[in-house]
All heavy atoms as atom14 arrays in JSON, in Angstrom:
{
  "sequence": "ALRSKLGLPDDRLWINVNRHVTGAIRAKYDGLGCSPGLP",
  "atom14_mask": [
    [1, 1, 1, 1, 1, 0, 0, 0, 0, 0, 0, 0, 0, 0],
    [1, 1, 1, 1, 1, 1, 1, 1, 0, 0, 0, 0, 0, 0],
    [1, 1, 1, 1, 1, 1, 1, 1, 1, 1, 1, 0, 0, 0],
    [1, 1, 1, 1, 1, 1, 0, 0, 0, 0, 0, 0, 0, 0],
    [1, 1, 1, 1, 1, 1, 1, 1, 1, 0, 0, 0, 0, 0],
    [1, 1, 1, 1, 1, 1, 1, 1, 0, 0, 0, 0, 0, 0],
    [1, 1, 1, 1, 0, 0, 0, 0, 0, 0, 0, 0, 0, 0],
    [1, 1, 1, 1, 1, 1, 1, 1, 0, 0, 0, 0, 0, 0],
    [1, 1, 1, 1, 1, 1, 1, 0, 0, 0, 0, 0, 0, 0],
    [1, 1, 1, 1, 1, 1, 1, 1, 0, 0, 0, 0, 0, 0],
    [1, 1, 1, 1, 1, 1, 1, 1, 0, 0, 0, 0, 0, 0],
    [1, 1, 1, 1, 1, 1, 1, 1, 1, 1, 1, 0, 0, 0],
    [1, 1, 1, 1, 1, 1, 1, 1, 0, 0, 0, 0, 0, 0],
    [1, 1, 1, 1, 1, 1, 1, 1, 1, 1, 1, 1, 1, 1],
    [1, 1, 1, 1, 1, 1, 1, 1, 0, 0, 0, 0, 0, 0],
    [1, 1, 1, 1, 1, 1, 1, 1, 0, 0, 0, 0, 0, 0],
    [1, 1, 1, 1, 1, 1, 1, 0, 0, 0, 0, 0, 0, 0],
    [1, 1, 1, 1, 1, 1, 1, 1, 0, 0, 0, 0, 0, 0],
    [1, 1, 1, 1, 1, 1, 1, 1, 1, 1, 1, 0, 0, 0],
    [1, 1, 1, 1, 1, 1, 1, 1, 1, 1, 0, 0, 0, 0],
    [1, 1, 1, 1, 1, 1, 1, 0, 0, 0, 0, 0, 0, 0],
    [1, 1, 1, 1, 1, 1, 1, 0, 0, 0, 0, 0, 0, 0],
    [1, 1, 1, 1, 0, 0, 0, 0, 0, 0, 0, 0, 0, 0],
    [1, 1, 1, 1, 1, 0, 0, 0, 0, 0, 0, 0, 0, 0],
    [1, 1, 1, 1, 1, 1, 1, 1, 0, 0, 0, 0, 0, 0],
    [1, 1, 1, 1, 1, 1, 1, 1, 1, 1, 1, 0, 0, 0],
    [1, 1, 1, 1, 1, 0, 0, 0, 0, 0, 0, 0, 0, 0],
    [1, 1, 1, 1, 1, 1, 1, 1, 1, 0, 0, 0, 0, 0],
    [1, 1, 1, 1, 1, 1, 1, 1, 1, 1, 1, 1, 0, 0],
    [1, 1, 1, 1, 1, 1, 1, 1, 0, 0, 0, 0, 0, 0],
    [1, 1, 1, 1, 0, 0, 0, 0, 0, 0, 0, 0, 0, 0],
    [1, 1, 1, 1, 1, 1, 1, 1, 0, 0, 0, 0, 0, 0],
    [1, 1, 1, 1, 0, 0, 0, 0, 0, 0, 0, 0, 0, 0],
    [1, 1, 1, 1, 1, 1, 0, 0, 0, 0, 0, 0, 0, 0],
    [1, 1, 1, 1, 1, 1, 0, 0, 0, 0, 0, 0, 0, 0],
    [1, 1, 1, 1, 1, 1, 1, 0, 0, 0, 0, 0, 0, 0],
    [1, 1, 1, 1, 0, 0, 0, 0, 0, 0, 0, 0, 0, 0],
    [1, 1, 1, 1, 1, 1, 1, 1, 0, 0, 0, 0, 0, 0],
    [1, 1, 1, 1, 1, 1, 1, 0, 0, 0, 0, 0, 0, 0]
  ],
  "atom14_positions": [
    [[0.83, -1.2, 0.0], [0.0, 0.0, 0.0], [0.87, 1.25, 0.0], [0.56, 2.24, -0.68], [-0.92, -0.01, 1.21], [0.0, 0.0, 0.0], [0.0, 0.0, 0.0], [0.0, 0.0, 0.0], [0.0, 0.0, 0.0], [0.0, 0.0, 0.0], [0.0, 0.0, 0.0], [0.0, 0.0, 0.0], [0.0, 0.0, 0.0], [0.0, 0.0, 0.0]],
    [[1.95, 1.23, 0.77], [2.87, 2.37, 0.8], [3.44, 2.62, -0.59], [3.47, 3.77, -1.07], [4.0, 2.09, 1.79], [5.03, 3.21, 1.99], [4.4, 4.38, 2.74], [6.24, 2.69, 2.76], [0.0, 0.0, 0.0], [0.0, 0.0, 0.0], [0.0, 0.0, 0.0], [0.0, 0.0, 0.0], [0.0, 0.0, 0.0], [0.0, 0.0, 0.0]],
    [[3.85, 1.56, -1.24], [4.41, 1.69, -2.59], [3.36, 2.25, -3.56], [3.65, 3.17, -4.33], [4.89, 0.33, -3.08], [5.3, 0.3, -4.54], [5.6, -1.11, -5.01], [5.98, -1.15, -6.4], [6.31, -2.24, -7.07], [6.29, -3.41, -6.45], [6.65, -2.19, -8.33], [0.0, 0.0, 0.0], [0.0, 0.0, 0.0], [0.0, 0.0, 0.0]],
    [[2.18, 1.68, -3.53], [1.13, 2.08, -4.47], [0.7, 3.53, -4.27], [0.6, 4.3, -5.22], [-0.07, 1.14, -4.32], [-1.13, 1.55, -5.15], [0.0, 0.0, 0.0], [0.0, 0.0, 0.0], [0.0, 0.0, 0.0], [0.0, 0.0, 0.0], [0.0, 0.0, 0.0], [0.0, 0.0, 0.0], [0.0, 0.0, 0.0], [0.0, 0.0, 0.0]],
    [[0.45, 3.9, -3.02], [-0.06, 5.25, -2.75], [0.97, 6.33, -3.06], [0.62, 7.44, -3.47], [-0.5, 5.34, -1.29], [-1.78, 4.57, -0.97], [-2.11, 4.66, 0.51], [-3.4, 3.92, 0.84], [-4.58, 4.6, 0.26], [0.0, 0.0, 0.0], [0.0, 0.0, 0.0], [0.0, 0.0, 0.0], [0.0, 0.0, 0.0], [0.0, 0.0, 0.0]],
    [[2.25, 6.01, -2.89], [3.3, 7.01, -3.13], [3.9, 6.89, -4.53], [4.76, 7.68, -4.9], [4.41, 6.88, -2.08], [4.0, 7.13, -0.63], [5.22, 7.03, 0.29], [3.34, 8.5, -0.47], [0.0, 0.0, 0.0], [0.0, 0.0, 0.0], [0.0, 0.0, 0.0], [0.0, 0.0, 0.0], [0.0, 0.0, 0.0], [0.0, 0.0, 0.0]],
    [[3.45, 5.89, -5.29], [3.96, 5.72, -6.64], [5.43, 5.35, -6.68], [6.18, 5.82, -7.56], [0.0, 0.0, 0.0], [0.0, 0.0, 0.0], [0.0, 0.0, 0.0], [0.0, 0.0, 0.0], [0.0, 0.0, 0.0], [0.0, 0.0, 0.0], [0.0, 0.0, 0.0], [0.0, 0.0, 0.0], [0.0, 0.0, 0.0], [0.0, 0.0, 0.0]],
    [[5.88, 4.5, -5.77], [7.29, 4.13, -5.66], [7.63, 2.96, -6.58], [6.77, 2.13, -6.88], [7.63, 3.76, -4.21], [7.35, 4.86, -3.17], [7.58, 4.31, -1.77], [8.24, 6.07, -3.42], [0.0, 0.0, 0.0], [0.0, 0.0, 0.0], [0.0, 0.0, 0.0], [0.0, 0.0, 0.0], [0.0, 0.0, 0.0], [0.0, 0.0, 0.0]],
    [[8.89, 2.84, -7.01], [9.27, 1.72, -7.87], [9.19, 0.36, -7.19], [9.04, -0.66, -7.84], [10.73, 2.05, -8.25], [10.87, 3.52, -8.03], [9.97, 3.82, -6.86], [0.0, 0.0, 0.0], [0.0, 0.0, 0.0], [0.0, 0.0, 0.0], [0.0, 0.0, 0.0], [0.0, 0.0, 0.0], [0.0, 0.0, 0.0], [0.0, 0.0, 0.0]],
    [[9.32, 0.34, -5.86], [9.38, -0.94, -5.14], [9.07, -0.67, -3.68], [9.08, 0.48, -3.22], [10.78, -1.54, -5.29], [10.83, -3.03, -4.95], [9.83, -3.58, -4.46], [11.89, -3.66, -5.19], [0.0, 0.0, 0.0], [0.0, 0.0, 0.0], [0.0, 0.0, 0.0], [0.0, 0.0, 0.0], [0.0, 0.0, 0.0], [0.0, 0.0, 0.0]],
    [[8.78, -1.73, -2.92], [8.63, -1.58, -1.47], [9.87, -2.12, -0.73], [9.86, -2.26, 0.48], [7.36, -2.25, -0.94], [7.13, -3.65, -1.48], [8.06, -4.21, -2.08], [6.02, -4.19, -1.31], [0.0, 0.0, 0.0], [0.0, 0.0, 0.0], [0.0, 0.0, 0.0], [0.0, 0.0, 0.0], [0.0, 0.0, 0.0], [0.0, 0.0, 0.0]],
    [[10.93, -2.38, -1.47], [12.24, -2.63, -0.85], [12.92, -1.27, -0.7], [13.66, -0.83, -1.57], [13.09, -3.58, -1.7], [14.36, -4.04, -0.99], [15.1, -5.1, -1.81], [16.12, -5.76, -1.01], [17.41, -5.44, -1.01], [17.86, -4.47, -1.8], [18.27, -6.1, -0.26], [0.0, 0.0, 0.0], [0.0, 0.0, 0.0], [0.0, 0.0, 0.0]],
    [[12.64, -0.63, 0.42], [13.06, 0.75, 0.59], [13.38, 1.05, 2.04], [12.96, 0.33, 2.95], [11.97, 1.7, 0.08], [10.57, 1.56, 0.73], [10.41, 2.54, 1.87], [9.48, 1.76, -0.31], [0.0, 0.0, 0.0], [0.0, 0.0, 0.0], [0.0, 0.0, 0.0], [0.0, 0.0, 0.0], [0.0, 0.0, 0.0], [0.0, 0.0, 0.0]],
    [[14.13, 2.09, 2.24], [14.45, 2.59, 3.57], [13.97, 4.03, 3.66], [14.08, 4.8, 2.68], [15.96, 2.49, 3.83], [16.37, 1.1, 4.18], [16.62, 0.61, 5.42], [16.57, -0.01, 3.29], [16.95, -0.72, 5.37], [16.92, -1.13, 4.08], [16.45, -0.17, 1.91], [17.19, -2.38, 3.53], [16.71, -1.41, 1.36], [17.07, -2.5, 2.17]],
    [[13.42, 4.4, 4.81], [12.78, 5.7, 4.97], [13.67, 6.62, 5.79], [14.06, 6.3, 6.92], [11.41, 5.54, 5.66], [10.52, 4.58, 4.84], [10.72, 6.9, 5.81], [9.24, 4.18, 5.54], [0.0, 0.0, 0.0], [0.0, 0.0, 0.0], [0.0, 0.0, 0.0], [0.0, 0.0, 0.0], [0.0, 0.0, 0.0], [0.0, 0.0, 0.0]],
    [[13.99, 7.77, 5.21], [14.8, 8.82, 5.87], [16.23, 8.39, 6.17], [16.92, 9.05, 6.96], [14.13, 9.32, 7.16], [12.84, 10.06, 6.86], [12.69, 10.67, 5.81], [11.9, 10.0, 7.78], [0.0, 0.0, 0.0], [0.0, 0.0, 0.0], [0.0, 0.0, 0.0], [0.0, 0.0, 0.0], [0.0, 0.0, 0.0], [0.0, 0.0, 0.0]],
    [[16.69, 7.29, 5.59], [18.08, 6.87, 5.71], [18.52, 6.3, 4.36], [17.7, 5.84, 3.58], [18.29, 5.8, 6.81], [18.06, 6.36, 8.19], [17.37, 4.59, 6.57], [0.0, 0.0, 0.0], [0.0, 0.0, 0.0], [0.0, 0.0, 0.0], [0.0, 0.0, 0.0], [0.0, 0.0, 0.0], [0.0, 0.0, 0.0], [0.0, 0.0, 0.0]],
    [[19.81, 6.34, 4.11], [20.35, 5.79, 2.87], [21.04, 4.47, 3.18], [22.07, 4.44, 3.85], [21.35, 6.78, 2.25], [21.85, 6.31, 0.88], [21.76, 5.14, 0.54], [22.38, 7.25, 0.1], [0.0, 0.0, 0.0], [0.0, 0.0, 0.0], [0.0, 0.0, 0.0], [0.0, 0.0, 0.0], [0.0, 0.0, 0.0], [0.0, 0.0, 0.0]],
    [[20.48, 3.38, 2.7], [21.06, 2.06, 2.9], [21.51, 1.45, 1.57], [21.64, 0.23, 1.45], [20.06, 1.13, 3.58], [19.64, 1.57, 4.99], [20.78, 1.38, 5.98], [20.36, 1.66, 7.35], [20.5, 2.83, 7.95], [21.07, 3.84, 7.28], [20.1, 3.02, 9.19], [0.0, 0.0, 0.0], [0.0, 0.0, 0.0], [0.0, 0.0, 0.0]],
    [[21.71, 2.28, 0.55], [22.13, 1.76, -0.74], [23.47, 1.03, -0.63], [24.4, 1.52, 0.02], [22.27, 2.9, -1.76], [20.96, 3.43, -2.24], [20.85, 4.6, -2.95], [19.7, 2.95, -2.12], [19.58, 4.82, -3.25], [18.87, 3.83, -2.76], [0.0, 0.0, 0.0], [0.0, 0.0, 0.0], [0.0, 0.0, 0.0], [0.0, 0.0, 0.0]],
    [[23.54, -0.12, -1.27], [24.79, -0.88, -1.35], [25.26, -0.75, -2.8], [24.66, -1.32, -3.71], [24.59, -2.35, -0.97], [25.92, -3.08, -0.93], [23.87, -2.46, 0.38], [0.0, 0.0, 0.0], [0.0, 0.0, 0.0], [0.0, 0.0, 0.0], [0.0, 0.0, 0.0], [0.0, 0.0, 0.0], [0.0, 0.0, 0.0], [0.0, 0.0, 0.0]],
    [[26.33, 0.01, -3.01], [26.74, 0.35, -4.36], [28.24, 0.14, -4.56], [28.98, -0.14, -3.63], [26.39, 1.82, -4.69], [27.09, 2.67, -3.76], [24.89, 2.07, -4.57], [0.0, 0.0, 0.0], [0.0, 0.0, 0.0], [0.0, 0.0, 0.0], [0.0, 0.0, 0.0], [0.0, 0.0, 0.0], [0.0, 0.0, 0.0], [0.0, 0.0, 0.0]],
    [[28.67, 0.31, -5.83], [30.08, 0.31, -6.16], [30.81, -0.96, -5.77], [30.3, -2.07, -5.88], [0.0, 0.0, 0.0], [0.0, 0.0, 0.0], [0.0, 0.0, 0.0], [0.0, 0.0, 0.0], [0.0, 0.0, 0.0], [0.0, 0.0, 0.0], [0.0, 0.0, 0.0], [0.0, 0.0, 0.0], [0.0, 0.0, 0.0], [0.0, 0.0, 0.0]],
    [[32.05, -0.79, -5.31], [32.91, -1.94, -4.97], [32.35, -2.73, -3.79], [32.5, -3.95, -3.74], [34.32, -1.45, -4.66], [0.0, 0.0, 0.0], [0.0, 0.0, 0.0], [0.0, 0.0, 0.0], [0.0, 0.0, 0.0], [0.0, 0.0, 0.0], [0.0, 0.0, 0.0], [0.0, 0.0, 0.0], [0.0, 0.0, 0.0], [0.0, 0.0, 0.0]],
    [[31.71, -2.06, -2.85], [31.11, -2.77, -1.72], [29.96, -3.64, -2.21], [29.79, -4.78, -1.76], [30.67, -1.8, -0.62], [31.91, -1.22, 0.08], [29.76, -2.48, 0.4], [31.61, -0.3, 1.24], [0.0, 0.0, 0.0], [0.0, 0.0, 0.0], [0.0, 0.0, 0.0], [0.0, 0.0, 0.0], [0.0, 0.0, 0.0], [0.0, 0.0, 0.0]],
    [[29.18, -3.12, -3.16], [28.09, -3.93, -3.72], [28.65, -5.15, -4.45], [28.1, -6.26, -4.35], [27.24, -3.1, -4.67], [26.11, -3.86, -5.36], [25.11, -4.45, -4.36], [24.02, -5.12, -5.05], [22.84, -4.54, -5.33], [22.63, -3.28, -5.0], [21.89, -5.21, -5.94], [0.0, 0.0, 0.0], [0.0, 0.0, 0.0], [0.0, 0.0, 0.0]],
    [[29.75, -4.97, -5.18], [30.35, -6.1, -5.89], [30.75, -7.2, -4.91], [30.55, -8.39, -5.15], [31.55, -5.64, -6.7], [0.0, 0.0, 0.0], [0.0, 0.0, 0.0], [0.0, 0.0, 0.0], [0.0, 0.0, 0.0], [0.0, 0.0, 0.0], [0.0, 0.0, 0.0], [0.0, 0.0, 0.0], [0.0, 0.0, 0.0], [0.0, 0.0, 0.0]],
    [[31.35, -6.8, -3.78], [31.73, -7.78, -2.76], [30.5, -8.42, -2.14], [30.44, -9.65, -1.95], [32.57, -7.1, -1.67], [33.01, -8.02, -0.55], [33.93, -9.12, -1.06], [34.41, -10.01, 0.07], [35.29, -11.11, -0.42], [0.0, 0.0, 0.0], [0.0, 0.0, 0.0], [0.0, 0.0, 0.0], [0.0, 0.0, 0.0], [0.0, 0.0, 0.0]],
    [[29.5, -7.62, -1.83], [28.26, -8.09, -1.22], [27.58, -9.13, -2.13], [27.17, -10.21, -1.67], [27.35, -6.9, -0.97], [26.02, -7.2, -0.35], [25.91, -7.51, 1.0], [24.84, -7.15, -1.11], [24.68, -7.77, 1.59], [23.61, -7.41, -0.54], [23.53, -7.71, 0.82], [22.31, -7.96, 1.38], [0.0, 0.0, 0.0], [0.0, 0.0, 0.0]],
    [[27.48, -8.8, -3.41], [26.87, -9.73, -4.35], [27.7, -11.0, -4.47], [27.16, -12.1, -4.59], [26.7, -9.07, -5.72], [25.54, -8.09, -5.77], [24.71, -8.1, -4.84], [25.46, -7.31, -6.74], [0.0, 0.0, 0.0], [0.0, 0.0, 0.0], [0.0, 0.0, 0.0], [0.0, 0.0, 0.0], [0.0, 0.0, 0.0], [0.0, 0.0, 0.0]],
    [[29.03, -10.85, -4.46], [29.9, -12.02, -4.55], [29.74, -12.96, -3.38], [30.0, -14.16, -3.49], [0.0, 0.0, 0.0], [0.0, 0.0, 0.0], [0.0, 0.0, 0.0], [0.0, 0.0, 0.0], [0.0, 0.0, 0.0], [0.0, 0.0, 0.0], [0.0, 0.0, 0.0], [0.0, 0.0, 0.0], [0.0, 0.0, 0.0], [0.0, 0.0, 0.0]],
    [[29.29, -12.43, -2.25], [29.04, -13.25, -1.06], [27.61, -13.78, -1.03], [27.18, -14.36, -0.03], [29.3, -12.42, 0.2], [30.76, -12.01, 0.44], [30.83, -10.96, 1.55], [31.6, -13.23, 0.8], [0.0, 0.0, 0.0], [0.0, 0.0, 0.0], [0.0, 0.0, 0.0], [0.0, 0.0, 0.0], [0.0, 0.0, 0.0], [0.0, 0.0, 0.0]],
    [[26.87, -13.57, -2.1], [25.49, -14.06, -2.15], [24.58, -13.39, -1.15], [23.64, -14.01, -0.65], [0.0, 0.0, 0.0], [0.0, 0.0, 0.0], [0.0, 0.0, 0.0], [0.0, 0.0, 0.0], [0.0, 0.0, 0.0], [0.0, 0.0, 0.0], [0.0, 0.0, 0.0], [0.0, 0.0, 0.0], [0.0, 0.0, 0.0], [0.0, 0.0, 0.0]],
    [[24.85, -12.1, -0.86], [24.07, -11.32, 0.11], [24.14, -11.87, 1.53], [23.34, -11.49, 2.39], [22.6, -11.21, -0.32], [22.33, -10.55, -1.98], [0.0, 0.0, 0.0], [0.0, 0.0, 0.0], [0.0, 0.0, 0.0], [0.0, 0.0, 0.0], [0.0, 0.0, 0.0], [0.0, 0.0, 0.0], [0.0, 0.0, 0.0], [0.0, 0.0, 0.0]],
    [[25.09, -12.78, 1.8], [25.16, -13.41, 3.11], [25.43, -12.46, 4.28], [25.09, -12.81, 5.42], [26.22, -14.51, 3.11], [27.51, -13.99, 2.81], [0.0, 0.0, 0.0], [0.0, 0.0, 0.0], [0.0, 0.0, 0.0], [0.0, 0.0, 0.0], [0.0, 0.0, 0.0], [0.0, 0.0, 0.0], [0.0, 0.0, 0.0], [0.0, 0.0, 0.0]],
    [[26.02, -11.26, 4.08], [26.16, -10.35, 5.22], [24.82, -9.87, 5.79], [24.78, -9.26, 6.85], [26.97, -9.18, 4.65], [27.76, -9.79, 3.54], [26.82, -10.79, 2.93], [0.0, 0.0, 0.0], [0.0, 0.0, 0.0], [0.0, 0.0, 0.0], [0.0, 0.0, 0.0], [0.0, 0.0, 0.0], [0.0, 0.0, 0.0], [0.0, 0.0, 0.0]],
    [[23.72, -10.13, 5.09], [22.42, -9.67, 5.56], [22.08, -8.29, 5.05], [22.79, -7.72, 4.21], [0.0, 0.0, 0.0], [0.0, 0.0, 0.0], [0.0, 0.0, 0.0], [0.0, 0.0, 0.0], [0.0, 0.0, 0.0], [0.0, 0.0, 0.0], [0.0, 0.0, 0.0], [0.0, 0.0, 0.0], [0.0, 0.0, 0.0], [0.0, 0.0, 0.0]],
    [[20.99, -7.74, 5.55], [20.54, -6.42, 5.1], [21.49, -5.34, 5.61], [22.06, -5.46, 6.7], [19.13, -6.14, 5.6], [18.03, -7.06, 5.08], [16.69, -6.69, 5.7], [17.94, -7.02, 3.56], [0.0, 0.0, 0.0], [0.0, 0.0, 0.0], [0.0, 0.0, 0.0], [0.0, 0.0, 0.0], [0.0, 0.0, 0.0], [0.0, 0.0, 0.0]],
    [[21.66, -4.26, 4.85], [22.51, -3.16, 5.32], [21.88, -2.47, 6.53], [20.66, -2.31, 6.6], [22.57, -2.22, 4.1], [21.32, -2.52, 3.34], [21.07, -3.98, 3.52], [0.0, 0.0, 0.0], [0.0, 0.0, 0.0], [0.0, 0.0, 0.0], [0.0, 0.0, 0.0], [0.0, 0.0, 0.0], [0.0, 0.0, 0.0], [0.0, 0.0, 0.0]]
  ]
}
């Protein structure tokens, strides 16, 4: 409902904080199969 009402691309989101996993850290994270858990 949050996604639909706000017109968001997805409901995999963080509110008022930046938890993006990008760049070289994302490459390592993906290489580990996301095993470190959520950011």
